[in-house]
């Protein structure tokens, strides 16, 4: 994992060094916009997965195999919900750090970028 991060950093270092700060802010704003659209969809699917497992667990309580399958659906639904909420939090922290999303970002002294 460490090698992948270092490789990506080295690959994108020249691009970041030569790029105008406006393009970096636009790119980060686009990534933020993508995540803001995908995360509610993923969260909804994870919730449906959890509910499906719960229904299967309750309705087929006599069948051991169905109960185990229902438990697995509920566990993976909770894991997916946790991941979706975590990504949402990380995106929010990144927005606050870089000053993008929902306002004006400071690109360079005296210059502002409004999405």
PDB file of N, CA and C in Angstrom:
ATOM      1  N   UNK A   1       0.827  -1.186   0.000  1.00  0.00           N
ATOM      2  CA  UNK A   1       0.000   0.000   0.000  1.00  0.00           C
ATOM      3  C   UNK A   1       0.872   1.250   0.000  1.00  0.00           C
ATOM      4  N   UNK A   2       1.951   1.203   0.765  1.00  0.00           N
ATOM      5  CA  UNK A   2       2.844   2.347   0.850  1.00  0.00           C
ATOM      6  C   UNK A   2       3.488   2.628  -0.506  1.00  0.00           C
ATOM      7  N   UNK A   3       3.828   1.558  -1.226  1.00  0.00           N
ATOM      8  CA  UNK A   3       4.456   1.710  -2.533  1.00  0.00           C
ATOM      9  C   UNK A   3       3.493   2.324  -3.548  1.00  0.00           C
ATOM     10  N   UNK A   4       2.229   1.955  -3.461  1.00  0.00           N
ATOM     11  CA  UNK A   4       1.228   2.503  -4.377  1.00  0.00           C
ATOM     12  C   UNK A   4       1.075   3.999  -4.139  1.00  0.00           C
ATOM     13  N   UNK A   5       1.014   4.407  -2.879  1.00  0.00           N
ATOM     14  CA  UNK A   5       0.866   5.819  -2.549  1.00  0.00           C
ATOM     15  C   UNK A   5       2.072   6.618  -3.045  1.00  0.00           C
ATOM     16  N   UNK A   6       3.264   6.099  -2.830  1.00  0.00           N
ATOM     17  CA  UNK A   6       4.480   6.800  -3.266  1.00  0.00           C
ATOM     18  C   UNK A   6       4.524   6.892  -4.791  1.00  0.00           C
ATOM     19  N   UNK A   7       4.133   5.819  -5.474  1.00  0.00           N
ATOM     20  CA  UNK A   7       4.116   5.826  -6.934  1.00  0.00           C
ATOM     21  C   UNK A   7       3.132   6.866  -7.461  1.00  0.00           C
ATOM     22  N   UNK A   8       1.928   6.903  -6.892  1.00  0.00           N
ATOM     23  CA  UNK A   8       0.947   7.901  -7.315  1.00  0.00           C
ATOM     24  C   UNK A   8       1.430   9.310  -7.026  1.00  0.00           C
ATOM     25  N   UNK A   9       2.060   9.500  -5.894  1.00  0.00           N
ATOM     26  CA  UNK A   9       2.582  10.815  -5.550  1.00  0.00           C
ATOM     27  C   UNK A   9       3.641  11.258  -6.547  1.00  0.00           C
ATOM     28  N   UNK A  10       4.535  10.345  -6.916  1.00  0.00           N
ATOM     29  CA  UNK A  10       5.578  10.677  -7.882  1.00  0.00           C
ATOM     30  C   UNK A  10       5.012  10.907  -9.281  1.00  0.00           C
ATOM     31  N   UNK A  11       3.960  10.178  -9.638  1.00  0.00           N
ATOM     32  CA  UNK A  11       3.360  10.365 -10.951  1.00  0.00           C
ATOM     33  C   UNK A  11       2.661  11.717 -11.079  1.00  0.00           C
ATOM     34  N   UNK A  12       1.995  12.139 -10.023  1.00  0.00           N
ATOM     35  CA  UNK A  12       1.218  13.370 -10.094  1.00  0.00           C
ATOM     36  C   UNK A  12       1.966  14.601  -9.593  1.00  0.00           C
ATOM     37  N   UNK A  13       3.165  14.441  -9.090  1.00  0.00           N
ATOM     38  CA  UNK A  13       3.936  15.585  -8.604  1.00  0.00           C
ATOM     39  C   UNK A  13       4.226  16.596  -9.711  1.00  0.00           C
ATOM     40  N   UNK A  14       4.684  16.173 -10.897  1.00  0.00           N
ATOM     41  CA  UNK A  14       4.925  17.168 -11.954  1.00  0.00           C
ATOM     42  C   UNK A  14       3.651  17.875 -12.392  1.00  0.00           C
ATOM     43  N   UNK A  15       2.561  17.140 -12.438  1.00  0.00           N
ATOM     44  CA  UNK A  15       1.296  17.754 -12.824  1.00  0.00           C
ATOM     45  C   UNK A  15       0.892  18.809 -11.811  1.00  0.00           C
ATOM     46  N   UNK A  16       1.016  18.489 -10.538  1.00  0.00           N
ATOM     47  CA  UNK A  16       0.650  19.445  -9.495  1.00  0.00           C
ATOM     48  C   UNK A  16       1.595  20.641  -9.488  1.00  0.00           C
ATOM     49  N   UNK A  17       2.867  20.418  -9.774  1.00  0.00           N
ATOM     50  CA  UNK A  17       3.837  21.511  -9.757  1.00  0.00           C
ATOM     51  C   UNK A  17       3.613  22.461 -10.927  1.00  0.00           C
ATOM     52  N   UNK A  18       3.230  21.934 -12.081  1.00  0.00           N
ATOM     53  CA  UNK A  18       3.059  22.756 -13.270  1.00  0.00           C
ATOM     54  C   UNK A  18       1.648  23.306 -13.428  1.00  0.00           C
ATOM     55  N   UNK A  19       0.726  22.739 -12.725  1.00  0.00           N
ATOM     56  CA  UNK A  19      -0.674  23.137 -12.885  1.00  0.00           C
ATOM     57  C   UNK A  19      -0.951  24.448 -12.171  1.00  0.00           C
ATOM     58  N   UNK A  20      -1.863  25.173 -12.738  1.00  0.00           N
ATOM     59  CA  UNK A  20      -2.345  26.385 -12.098  1.00  0.00           C
ATOM     60  C   UNK A  20      -3.232  25.965 -10.928  1.00  0.00           C
ATOM     61  N   UNK A  21      -3.199  26.709  -9.856  1.00  0.00           N
ATOM     62  CA  UNK A  21      -3.971  26.349  -8.665  1.00  0.00           C
ATOM     63  C   UNK A  21      -5.466  26.282  -8.966  1.00  0.00           C
ATOM     64  N   UNK A  22      -5.929  27.052  -9.955  1.00  0.00           N
ATOM     65  CA  UNK A  22      -7.345  27.040 -10.307  1.00  0.00           C
ATOM     66  C   UNK A  22      -7.768  25.661 -10.784  1.00  0.00           C
ATOM     67  N   UNK A  23      -6.932  24.994 -11.570  1.00  0.00           N
ATOM     68  CA  UNK A  23      -7.268  23.671 -12.078  1.00  0.00           C
ATOM     69  C   UNK A  23      -7.302  22.635 -10.954  1.00  0.00           C
ATOM     70  N   UNK A  24      -6.412  22.777  -9.998  1.00  0.00           N
ATOM     71  CA  UNK A  24      -6.405  21.852  -8.862  1.00  0.00           C
ATOM     72  C   UNK A  24      -7.696  22.005  -8.063  1.00  0.00           C
ATOM     73  N   UNK A  25      -8.103  23.251  -7.835  1.00  0.00           N
ATOM     74  CA  UNK A  25      -9.342  23.500  -7.091  1.00  0.00           C
ATOM     75  C   UNK A  25     -10.544  22.983  -7.873  1.00  0.00           C
ATOM     76  N   UNK A  26     -10.530  23.173  -9.199  1.00  0.00           N
ATOM     77  CA  UNK A  26     -11.635  22.660 -10.019  1.00  0.00           C
ATOM     78  C   UNK A  26     -11.685  21.138  -9.968  1.00  0.00           C
ATOM     79  N   UNK A  27     -10.521  20.492 -10.025  1.00  0.00           N
ATOM     80  CA  UNK A  27     -10.467  19.029  -9.944  1.00  0.00           C
ATOM     81  C   UNK A  27     -10.999  18.544  -8.608  1.00  0.00           C
ATOM     82  N   UNK A  28     -10.536  19.148  -7.517  1.00  0.00           N
ATOM     83  CA  UNK A  28     -11.004  18.741  -6.189  1.00  0.00           C
ATOM     84  C   UNK A  28     -12.492  19.017  -6.019  1.00  0.00           C
ATOM     85  N   UNK A  29     -12.967  20.091  -6.603  1.00  0.00           N
ATOM     86  CA  UNK A  29     -14.389  20.404  -6.534  1.00  0.00           C
ATOM     87  C   UNK A  29     -15.202  19.367  -7.305  1.00  0.00           C
ATOM     88  N   UNK A  30     -14.667  18.905  -8.441  1.00  0.00           N
ATOM     89  CA  UNK A  30     -15.350  17.867  -9.214  1.00  0.00           C
ATOM     90  C   UNK A  30     -15.398  16.544  -8.476  1.00  0.00           C
ATOM     91  N   UNK A  31     -14.295  16.190  -7.810  1.00  0.00           N
ATOM     92  CA  UNK A  31     -14.258  14.959  -7.016  1.00  0.00           C
ATOM     93  C   UNK A  31     -15.261  15.055  -5.881  1.00  0.00           C
ATOM     94  N   UNK A  32     -15.297  16.198  -5.240  1.00  0.00           N
ATOM     95  CA  UNK A  32     -16.251  16.415  -4.138  1.00  0.00           C
ATOM     96  C   UNK A  32     -17.684  16.294  -4.632  1.00  0.00           C
ATOM     97  N   UNK A  33     -17.956  16.860  -5.797  1.00  0.00           N
ATOM     98  CA  UNK A  33     -19.300  16.792  -6.365  1.00  0.00           C
ATOM     99  C   UNK A  33     -19.685  15.345  -6.687  1.00  0.00           C
ATOM    100  N   UNK A  34     -18.739  14.589  -7.225  1.00  0.00           N
ATOM    101  CA  UNK A  34     -18.994  13.179  -7.528  1.00  0.00           C
ATOM    102  C   UNK A  34     -19.328  12.400  -6.265  1.00  0.00           C
ATOM    103  N   UNK A  35     -18.534  12.595  -5.207  1.00  0.00           N
ATOM    104  CA  UNK A  35     -18.787  11.890  -3.961  1.00  0.00           C
ATOM    105  C   UNK A  35     -20.115  12.316  -3.336  1.00  0.00           C
ATOM    106  N   UNK A  36     -20.448  13.597  -3.428  1.00  0.00           N
ATOM    107  CA  UNK A  36     -21.708  14.066  -2.849  1.00  0.00           C
ATOM    108  C   UNK A  36     -22.909  13.448  -3.551  1.00  0.00           C
ATOM    109  N   UNK A  37     -22.743  13.045  -4.826  1.00  0.00           N
ATOM    110  CA  UNK A  37     -23.845  12.397  -5.547  1.00  0.00           C
ATOM    111  C   UNK A  37     -23.878  10.894  -5.312  1.00  0.00           C
ATOM    112  N   UNK A  38     -22.713  10.274  -5.183  1.00  0.00           N
ATOM    113  CA  UNK A  38     -22.651   8.817  -5.053  1.00  0.00           C
ATOM    114  C   UNK A  38     -22.931   8.312  -3.640  1.00  0.00           C
ATOM    115  N   UNK A  39     -22.514   9.044  -2.648  1.00  0.00           N
ATOM    116  CA  UNK A  39     -22.607   8.554  -1.274  1.00  0.00           C
ATOM    117  C   UNK A  39     -24.049   8.310  -0.831  1.00  0.00           C
ATOM    118  N   UNK A  40     -25.010   9.189  -1.121  1.00  0.00           N
ATOM    119  CA  UNK A  40     -26.390   8.855  -0.738  1.00  0.00           C
ATOM    120  C   UNK A  40     -26.927   7.610  -1.438  1.00  0.00           C
ATOM    121  N   UNK A  41     -26.519   7.386  -2.678  1.00  0.00           N
ATOM    122  CA  UNK A  41     -26.960   6.194  -3.395  1.00  0.00           C
ATOM    123  C   UNK A  41     -26.384   4.942  -2.748  1.00  0.00           C
ATOM    124  N   UNK A  42     -25.088   4.972  -2.450  1.00  0.00           N
ATOM    125  CA  UNK A  42     -24.438   3.828  -1.809  1.00  0.00           C
ATOM    126  C   UNK A  42     -25.032   3.588  -0.423  1.00  0.00           C
ATOM    127  N   UNK A  43     -25.296   4.661   0.312  1.00  0.00           N
ATOM    128  CA  UNK A  43     -25.896   4.521   1.645  1.00  0.00           C
ATOM    129  C   UNK A  43     -27.283   3.899   1.559  1.00  0.00           C
ATOM    130  N   UNK A  44     -28.057   4.321   0.574  1.00  0.00           N
ATOM    131  CA  UNK A  44     -29.392   3.754   0.394  1.00  0.00           C
ATOM    132  C   UNK A  44     -29.341   2.274   0.050  1.00  0.00           C
ATOM    133  N   UNK A  45     -28.412   1.900  -0.825  1.00  0.00           N
ATOM    134  CA  UNK A  45     -28.265   0.482  -1.167  1.00  0.00           C
ATOM    135  C   UNK A  45     -27.807  -0.340   0.035  1.00  0.00           C
ATOM    136  N   UNK A  46     -26.906   0.218   0.833  1.00  0.00           N
ATOM    137  CA  UNK A  46     -26.447  -0.484   2.032  1.00  0.00           C
ATOM    138  C   UNK A  46     -27.593  -0.660   3.030  1.00  0.00           C
ATOM    139  N   UNK A  47     -28.421   0.367   3.164  1.00  0.00           N
ATOM    140  CA  UNK A  47     -29.572   0.265   4.060  1.00  0.00           C
ATOM    141  C   UNK A  47     -30.562  -0.792   3.564  1.00  0.00           C
ATOM    142  N   UNK A  48     -30.797  -0.814   2.260  1.00  0.00           N
ATOM    143  CA  UNK A  48     -31.673  -1.847   1.702  1.00  0.00           C
ATOM    144  C   UNK A  48     -31.094  -3.242   1.920  1.00  0.00           C
ATOM    145  N   UNK A  49     -29.789  -3.364   1.803  1.00  0.00           N
ATOM    146  CA  UNK A  49     -29.137  -4.657   2.037  1.00  0.00           C
ATOM    147  C   UNK A  49     -29.337  -5.101   3.484  1.00  0.00           C
ATOM    148  N   UNK A  50     -29.180  -4.173   4.413  1.00  0.00           N
ATOM    149  CA  UNK A  50     -29.385  -4.490   5.825  1.00  0.00           C
ATOM    150  C   UNK A  50     -30.833  -4.903   6.079  1.00  0.00           C
ATOM    151  N   UNK A  51     -31.781  -4.133   5.530  1.00  0.00           N
ATOM    152  CA  UNK A  51     -33.203  -4.439   5.736  1.00  0.00           C
ATOM    153  C   UNK A  51     -33.560  -5.787   5.118  1.00  0.00           C
ATOM    154  N   UNK A  52     -33.002  -6.083   3.926  1.00  0.00           N
ATOM    155  CA  UNK A  52     -33.261  -7.385   3.299  1.00  0.00           C
ATOM    156  C   UNK A  52     -32.762  -8.522   4.192  1.00  0.00           C
ATOM    157  N   UNK A  53     -31.573  -8.360   4.766  1.00  0.00           N
ATOM    158  CA  UNK A  53     -31.054  -9.375   5.683  1.00  0.00           C
ATOM    159  C   UNK A  53     -31.920  -9.519   6.918  1.00  0.00           C
ATOM    160  N   UNK A  54     -32.418  -8.405   7.448  1.00  0.00           N
ATOM    161  CA  UNK A  54     -33.275  -8.440   8.631  1.00  0.00           C
ATOM    162  C   UNK A  54     -34.590  -9.154   8.330  1.00  0.00           C
ATOM    163  N   UNK A  55     -35.181  -8.844   7.182  1.00  0.00           N
ATOM    164  CA  UNK A  55     -36.438  -9.496   6.792  1.00  0.00           C
ATOM    165  C   UNK A  55     -36.204 -10.995   6.616  1.00  0.00           C
ATOM    166  N   UNK A  56     -35.116 -11.340   5.956  1.00  0.00           N
ATOM    167  CA  UNK A  56     -34.806 -12.756   5.747  1.00  0.00           C
ATOM    168  C   UNK A  56     -34.560 -13.456   7.091  1.00  0.00           C
ATOM    169  N   UNK A  57     -33.889 -12.784   8.009  1.00  0.00           N
ATOM    170  CA  UNK A  57     -33.595 -13.339   9.320  1.00  0.00           C
ATOM    171  C   UNK A  57     -34.873 -13.599  10.114  1.00  0.00           C
ATOM    172  N   UNK A  58     -35.821 -12.663  10.040  1.00  0.00           N
ATOM    173  CA  UNK A  58     -37.055 -12.787  10.829  1.00  0.00           C
ATOM    174  C   UNK A  58     -38.044 -13.753  10.182  1.00  0.00           C
ATOM    175  N   UNK A  59     -38.246 -13.618   8.876  1.00  0.00           N
ATOM    176  CA  UNK A  59     -39.289 -14.419   8.233  1.00  0.00           C
ATOM    177  C   UNK A  59     -38.931 -15.887   8.092  1.00  0.00           C
ATOM    178  N   UNK A  60     -37.664 -16.203   7.987  1.00  0.00           N
ATOM    179  CA  UNK A  60     -37.259 -17.593   7.799  1.00  0.00           C
ATOM    180  C   UNK A  60     -36.446 -18.081   8.991  1.00  0.00           C
ATOM    181  N   UNK A  61     -36.945 -17.780  10.178  1.00  0.00           N
ATOM    182  CA  UNK A  61     -36.203 -18.115  11.397  1.00  0.00           C
ATOM    183  C   UNK A  61     -36.085 -19.619  11.635  1.00  0.00           C
ATOM    184  N   UNK A  62     -36.896 -20.418  10.982  1.00  0.00           N
ATOM    185  CA  UNK A  62     -36.817 -21.862  11.158  1.00  0.00           C
ATOM    186  C   UNK A  62     -35.699 -22.512  10.340  1.00  0.00           C
ATOM    187  N   UNK A  63     -35.265 -21.856   9.286  1.00  0.00           N
ATOM    188  CA  UNK A  63     -34.243 -22.401   8.392  1.00  0.00           C
ATOM    189  C   UNK A  63     -32.872 -21.844   8.792  1.00  0.00           C
ATOM    190  N   UNK A  64     -31.997 -22.734   9.264  1.00  0.00           N
ATOM    191  CA  UNK A  64     -30.669 -22.306   9.736  1.00  0.00           C
ATOM    192  C   UNK A  64     -29.856 -21.622   8.637  1.00  0.00           C
ATOM    193  N   UNK A  65     -29.948 -22.149   7.424  1.00  0.00           N
ATOM    194  CA  UNK A  65     -29.172 -21.585   6.322  1.00  0.00           C
ATOM    195  C   UNK A  65     -29.652 -20.165   5.985  1.00  0.00           C
ATOM    196  N   UNK A  66     -30.963 -19.969   5.974  1.00  0.00           N
ATOM    197  CA  UNK A  66     -31.523 -18.642   5.684  1.00  0.00           C
ATOM    198  C   UNK A  66     -31.190 -17.658   6.799  1.00  0.00           C
ATOM    199  N   UNK A  67     -31.194 -18.129   8.043  1.00  0.00           N
ATOM    200  CA  UNK A  67     -30.843 -17.268   9.172  1.00  0.00           C
ATOM    201  C   UNK A  67     -29.389 -16.823   9.055  1.00  0.00           C
ATOM    202  N   UNK A  68     -28.499 -17.751   8.717  1.00  0.00           N
ATOM    203  CA  UNK A  68     -27.078 -17.404   8.561  1.00  0.00           C
ATOM    204  C   UNK A  68     -26.889 -16.435   7.399  1.00  0.00           C
ATOM    205  N   UNK A  69     -27.624 -16.658   6.333  1.00  0.00           N
ATOM    206  CA  UNK A  69     -27.534 -15.757   5.183  1.00  0.00           C
ATOM    207  C   UNK A  69     -28.064 -14.367   5.540  1.00  0.00           C
ATOM    208  N   UNK A  70     -29.144 -14.320   6.300  1.00  0.00           N
ATOM    209  CA  UNK A  70     -29.683 -13.043   6.760  1.00  0.00           C
ATOM    210  C   UNK A  70     -28.699 -12.299   7.636  1.00  0.00           C
ATOM    211  N   UNK A  71     -28.020 -13.029   8.526  1.00  0.00           N
ATOM    212  CA  UNK A  71     -26.997 -12.401   9.370  1.00  0.00           C
ATOM    213  C   UNK A  71     -25.879 -11.812   8.533  1.00  0.00           C
ATOM    214  N   UNK A  72     -25.448 -12.556   7.502  1.00  0.00           N
ATOM    215  CA  UNK A  72     -24.378 -12.057   6.633  1.00  0.00           C
ATOM    216  C   UNK A  72     -24.800 -10.782   5.911  1.00  0.00           C
ATOM    217  N   UNK A  73     -26.043 -10.749   5.415  1.00  0.00           N
ATOM    218  CA  UNK A  73     -26.542  -9.548   4.752  1.00  0.00           C
ATOM    219  C   UNK A  73     -26.565  -8.364   5.717  1.00  0.00           C
ATOM    220  N   UNK A  74     -27.013  -8.612   6.950  1.00  0.00           N
ATOM    221  CA  UNK A  74     -27.061  -7.523   7.929  1.00  0.00           C
ATOM    222  C   UNK A  74     -25.660  -7.023   8.264  1.00  0.00           C
ATOM    223  N   UNK A  75     -24.711  -7.925   8.440  1.00  0.00           N
ATOM    224  CA  UNK A  75     -23.341  -7.525   8.773  1.00  0.00           C
ATOM    225  C   UNK A  75     -22.739  -6.701   7.640  1.00  0.00           C
ATOM    226  N   UNK A  76     -22.860  -7.191   6.397  1.00  0.00           N
ATOM    227  CA  UNK A  76     -22.277  -6.464   5.274  1.00  0.00           C
ATOM    228  C   UNK A  76     -23.015  -5.155   5.015  1.00  0.00           C
ATOM    229  N   UNK A  77     -24.298  -5.102   5.317  1.00  0.00           N
ATOM    230  CA  UNK A  77     -25.033  -3.840   5.201  1.00  0.00           C
ATOM    231  C   UNK A  77     -24.522  -2.810   6.183  1.00  0.00           C
ATOM    232  N   UNK A  78     -24.243  -3.237   7.421  1.00  0.00           N
ATOM    233  CA  UNK A  78     -23.698  -2.320   8.425  1.00  0.00           C
ATOM    234  C   UNK A  78     -22.299  -1.868   8.031  1.00  0.00           C
ATOM    235  N   UNK A  79     -21.483  -2.792   7.524  1.00  0.00           N
ATOM    236  CA  UNK A  79     -20.127  -2.432   7.086  1.00  0.00           C
ATOM    237  C   UNK A  79     -20.190  -1.407   5.949  1.00  0.00           C
ATOM    238  N   UNK A  80     -21.082  -1.627   4.985  1.00  0.00           N
ATOM    239  CA  UNK A  80     -21.219  -0.704   3.860  1.00  0.00           C
ATOM    240  C   UNK A  80     -21.717   0.662   4.324  1.00  0.00           C
ATOM    241  N   UNK A  81     -22.666   0.684   5.263  1.00  0.00           N
ATOM    242  CA  UNK A  81     -23.135   1.961   5.815  1.00  0.00           C
ATOM    243  C   UNK A  81     -22.004   2.700   6.526  1.00  0.00           C
ATOM    244  N   UNK A  82     -21.209   1.979   7.300  1.00  0.00           N
ATOM    245  CA  UNK A  82     -20.085   2.592   7.999  1.00  0.00           C
ATOM    246  C   UNK A  82     -19.095   3.189   7.001  1.00  0.00           C
ATOM    247  N   UNK A  83     -18.796   2.452   5.944  1.00  0.00           N
ATOM    248  CA  UNK A  83     -17.846   2.942   4.934  1.00  0.00           C
ATOM    249  C   UNK A  83     -18.395   4.182   4.230  1.00  0.00           C
ATOM    250  N   UNK A  84     -19.675   4.168   3.873  1.00  0.00           N
ATOM    251  CA  UNK A  84     -20.273   5.309   3.182  1.00  0.00           C
ATOM    252  C   UNK A  84     -20.262   6.551   4.064  1.00  0.00           C
ATOM    253  N   UNK A  85     -20.619   6.388   5.322  1.00  0.00           N
ATOM    254  CA  UNK A  85     -20.620   7.531   6.237  1.00  0.00           C
ATOM    255  C   UNK A  85     -19.197   8.019   6.486  1.00  0.00           C
ATOM    256  N   UNK A  86     -18.236   7.106   6.558  1.00  0.00           N
ATOM    257  CA  UNK A  86     -16.841   7.492   6.752  1.00  0.00           C
ATOM    258  C   UNK A  86     -16.319   8.296   5.563  1.00  0.00           C
ATOM    259  N   UNK A  87     -16.645   7.841   4.347  1.00  0.00           N
ATOM    260  CA  UNK A  87     -16.208   8.580   3.156  1.00  0.00           C
ATOM    261  C   UNK A  87     -16.847   9.955   3.135  1.00  0.00           C
ATOM    262  N   UNK A  88     -18.110  10.032   3.510  1.00  0.00           N
ATOM    263  CA  UNK A  88     -18.796  11.316   3.567  1.00  0.00           C
ATOM    264  C   UNK A  88     -18.078  12.256   4.550  1.00  0.00           C
ATOM    265  N   UNK A  89     -17.673  11.737   5.690  1.00  0.00           N
ATOM    266  CA  UNK A  89     -16.938  12.537   6.660  1.00  0.00           C
ATOM    267  C   UNK A  89     -15.575  12.961   6.140  1.00  0.00           C
ATOM    268  N   UNK A  90     -14.880  12.062   5.447  1.00  0.00           N
ATOM    269  CA  UNK A  90     -13.568  12.401   4.902  1.00  0.00           C
ATOM    270  C   UNK A  90     -13.699  13.488   3.838  1.00  0.00           C
ATOM    271  N   UNK A  91     -14.733  13.413   3.005  1.00  0.00           N
ATOM    272  CA  UNK A  91     -14.961  14.446   1.993  1.00  0.00           C
ATOM    273  C   UNK A  91     -15.238  15.786   2.662  1.00  0.00           C
ATOM    274  N   UNK A  92     -16.010  15.786   3.723  1.00  0.00           N
ATOM    275  CA  UNK A  92     -16.308  17.022   4.439  1.00  0.00           C
ATOM    276  C   UNK A  92     -15.042  17.623   5.053  1.00  0.00           C
ATOM    277  N   UNK A  93     -14.199  16.780   5.636  1.00  0.00           N
ATOM    278  CA  UNK A  93     -12.936  17.261   6.198  1.00  0.00           C
ATOM    279  C   UNK A  93     -12.051  17.834   5.089  1.00  0.00           C
ATOM    280  N   UNK A  94     -11.996  17.153   3.950  1.00  0.00           N
ATOM    281  CA  UNK A  94     -11.196  17.646   2.821  1.00  0.00           C
ATOM    282  C   UNK A  94     -11.742  18.977   2.319  1.00  0.00           C
ATOM    283  N   UNK A  95     -13.058  19.130   2.286  1.00  0.00           N
ATOM    284  CA  UNK A  95     -13.656  20.407   1.895  1.00  0.00           C
ATOM    285  C   UNK A  95     -13.198  21.520   2.822  1.00  0.00           C
ATOM    286  N   UNK A  96     -13.218  21.256   4.108  1.00  0.00           N
ATOM    287  CA  UNK A  96     -12.829  22.275   5.071  1.00  0.00           C
ATOM    288  C   UNK A  96     -11.342  22.587   4.996  1.00  0.00           C
ATOM    289  N   UNK A  97     -10.522  21.579   4.769  1.00  0.00           N
ATOM    290  CA  UNK A  97      -9.080  21.802   4.691  1.00  0.00           C
ATOM    291  C   UNK A  97      -8.720  22.620   3.457  1.00  0.00           C
ATOM    292  N   UNK A  98      -9.286  22.238   2.292  1.00  0.00           N
ATOM    293  CA  UNK A  98      -8.943  22.908   1.052  1.00  0.00           C
ATOM    294  C   UNK A  98      -9.824  24.113   0.764  1.00  0.00           C
ATOM    295  N   UNK A  99     -10.862  24.317   1.565  1.00  0.00           N
ATOM    296  CA  UNK A  99     -11.719  25.480   1.381  1.00  0.00           C
ATOM    297  C   UNK A  99     -12.568  25.412   0.125  1.00  0.00           C
ATOM    298  N   UNK A 100     -13.018  24.222  -0.241  1.00  0.00           N
ATOM    299  CA  UNK A 100     -13.855  24.089  -1.437  1.00  0.00           C
ATOM    300  C   UNK A 100     -15.235  23.633  -1.039  1.00  0.00           C
ATOM    301  N   UNK A 101     -16.178  23.839  -1.940  1.00  0.00           N
ATOM    302  CA  UNK A 101     -17.542  23.363  -1.725  1.00  0.00           C
ATOM    303  C   UNK A 101     -18.359  24.305  -0.870  1.00  0.00           C
ATOM    304  N   UNK A 102     -19.421  24.804  -1.444  1.00  0.00           N
ATOM    305  CA  UNK A 102     -20.353  25.621  -0.696  1.00  0.00           C
ATOM    306  C   UNK A 102     -19.870  27.023  -0.397  1.00  0.00           C
ATOM    307  N   UNK A 103     -18.913  27.506  -1.136  1.00  0.00           N
ATOM    308  CA  UNK A 103     -18.436  28.856  -0.879  1.00  0.00           C
ATOM    309  C   UNK A 103     -17.358  29.245  -1.859  1.00  0.00           C
ATOM    310  N   UNK A 104     -16.535  30.180  -1.445  1.00  0.00           N
ATOM    311  CA  UNK A 104     -15.461  30.672  -2.284  1.00  0.00           C
ATOM    312  C   UNK A 104     -14.144  30.156  -1.748  1.00  0.00           C
ATOM    313  N   UNK A 105     -13.349  29.593  -2.624  1.00  0.00           N
ATOM    314  CA  UNK A 105     -12.051  29.068  -2.225  1.00  0.00           C
ATOM    315  C   UNK A 105     -10.970  30.078  -2.570  1.00  0.00           C
ATOM    316  N   UNK A 106     -10.017  30.244  -1.680  1.00  0.00           N
ATOM    317  CA  UNK A 106      -8.896  31.135  -1.925  1.00  0.00           C
ATOM    318  C   UNK A 106      -7.871  30.381  -2.762  1.00  0.00           C
ATOM    319  N   UNK A 107      -7.640  30.837  -4.012  1.00  0.00           N
ATOM    320  CA  UNK A 107      -6.723  30.157  -4.905  1.00  0.00           C
ATOM    321  C   UNK A 107      -5.318  30.700  -4.733  1.00  0.00           C
ATOM    322  N   UNK A 108      -5.167  31.979  -4.803  1.00  0.00           N
ATOM    323  CA  UNK A 108      -3.879  32.624  -4.555  1.00  0.00           C
ATOM    324  C   UNK A 108      -4.185  34.010  -4.012  1.00  0.00           C
ATOM    325  N   UNK A 109      -3.227  34.674  -3.448  1.00  0.00           N
ATOM    326  CA  UNK A 109      -3.512  36.003  -2.872  1.00  0.00           C
ATOM    327  C   UNK A 109      -4.164  36.934  -3.893  1.00  0.00           C
ATOM    328  N   UNK A 110      -5.326  37.427  -3.530  1.00  0.00           N
ATOM    329  CA  UNK A 110      -6.033  38.363  -4.387  1.00  0.00           C
ATOM    330  C   UNK A 110      -6.928  37.716  -5.425  1.00  0.00           C
ATOM    331  N   UNK A 111      -6.890  36.402  -5.566  1.00  0.00           N
ATOM    332  CA  UNK A 111      -7.693  35.709  -6.570  1.00  0.00           C
ATOM    333  C   UNK A 111      -8.621  34.740  -5.875  1.00  0.00           C
ATOM    334  N   UNK A 112      -9.872  34.687  -6.287  1.00  0.00           N
ATOM    335  CA  UNK A 112     -10.815  33.730  -5.711  1.00  0.00           C
ATOM    336  C   UNK A 112     -11.441  32.905  -6.816  1.00  0.00           C
ATOM    337  N   UNK A 113     -11.852  31.733  -6.468  1.00  0.00           N
ATOM    338  CA  UNK A 113     -12.524  30.826  -7.400  1.00  0.00           C
ATOM    339  C   UNK A 113     -13.870  30.472  -6.818  1.00  0.00           C
ATOM    340  N   UNK A 114     -14.935  30.721  -7.577  1.00  0.00           N
ATOM    341  CA  UNK A 114     -16.279  30.359  -7.147  1.00  0.00           C
ATOM    342  C   UNK A 114     -16.817  29.335  -8.120  1.00  0.00           C
ATOM    343  N   UNK A 115     -17.137  28.130  -7.646  1.00  0.00           N
ATOM    344  CA  UNK A 115     -17.639  27.077  -8.551  1.00  0.00           C
ATOM    345  C   UNK A 115     -18.966  27.418  -9.164  1.00  0.00           C
TER     346      UNK A 115
END
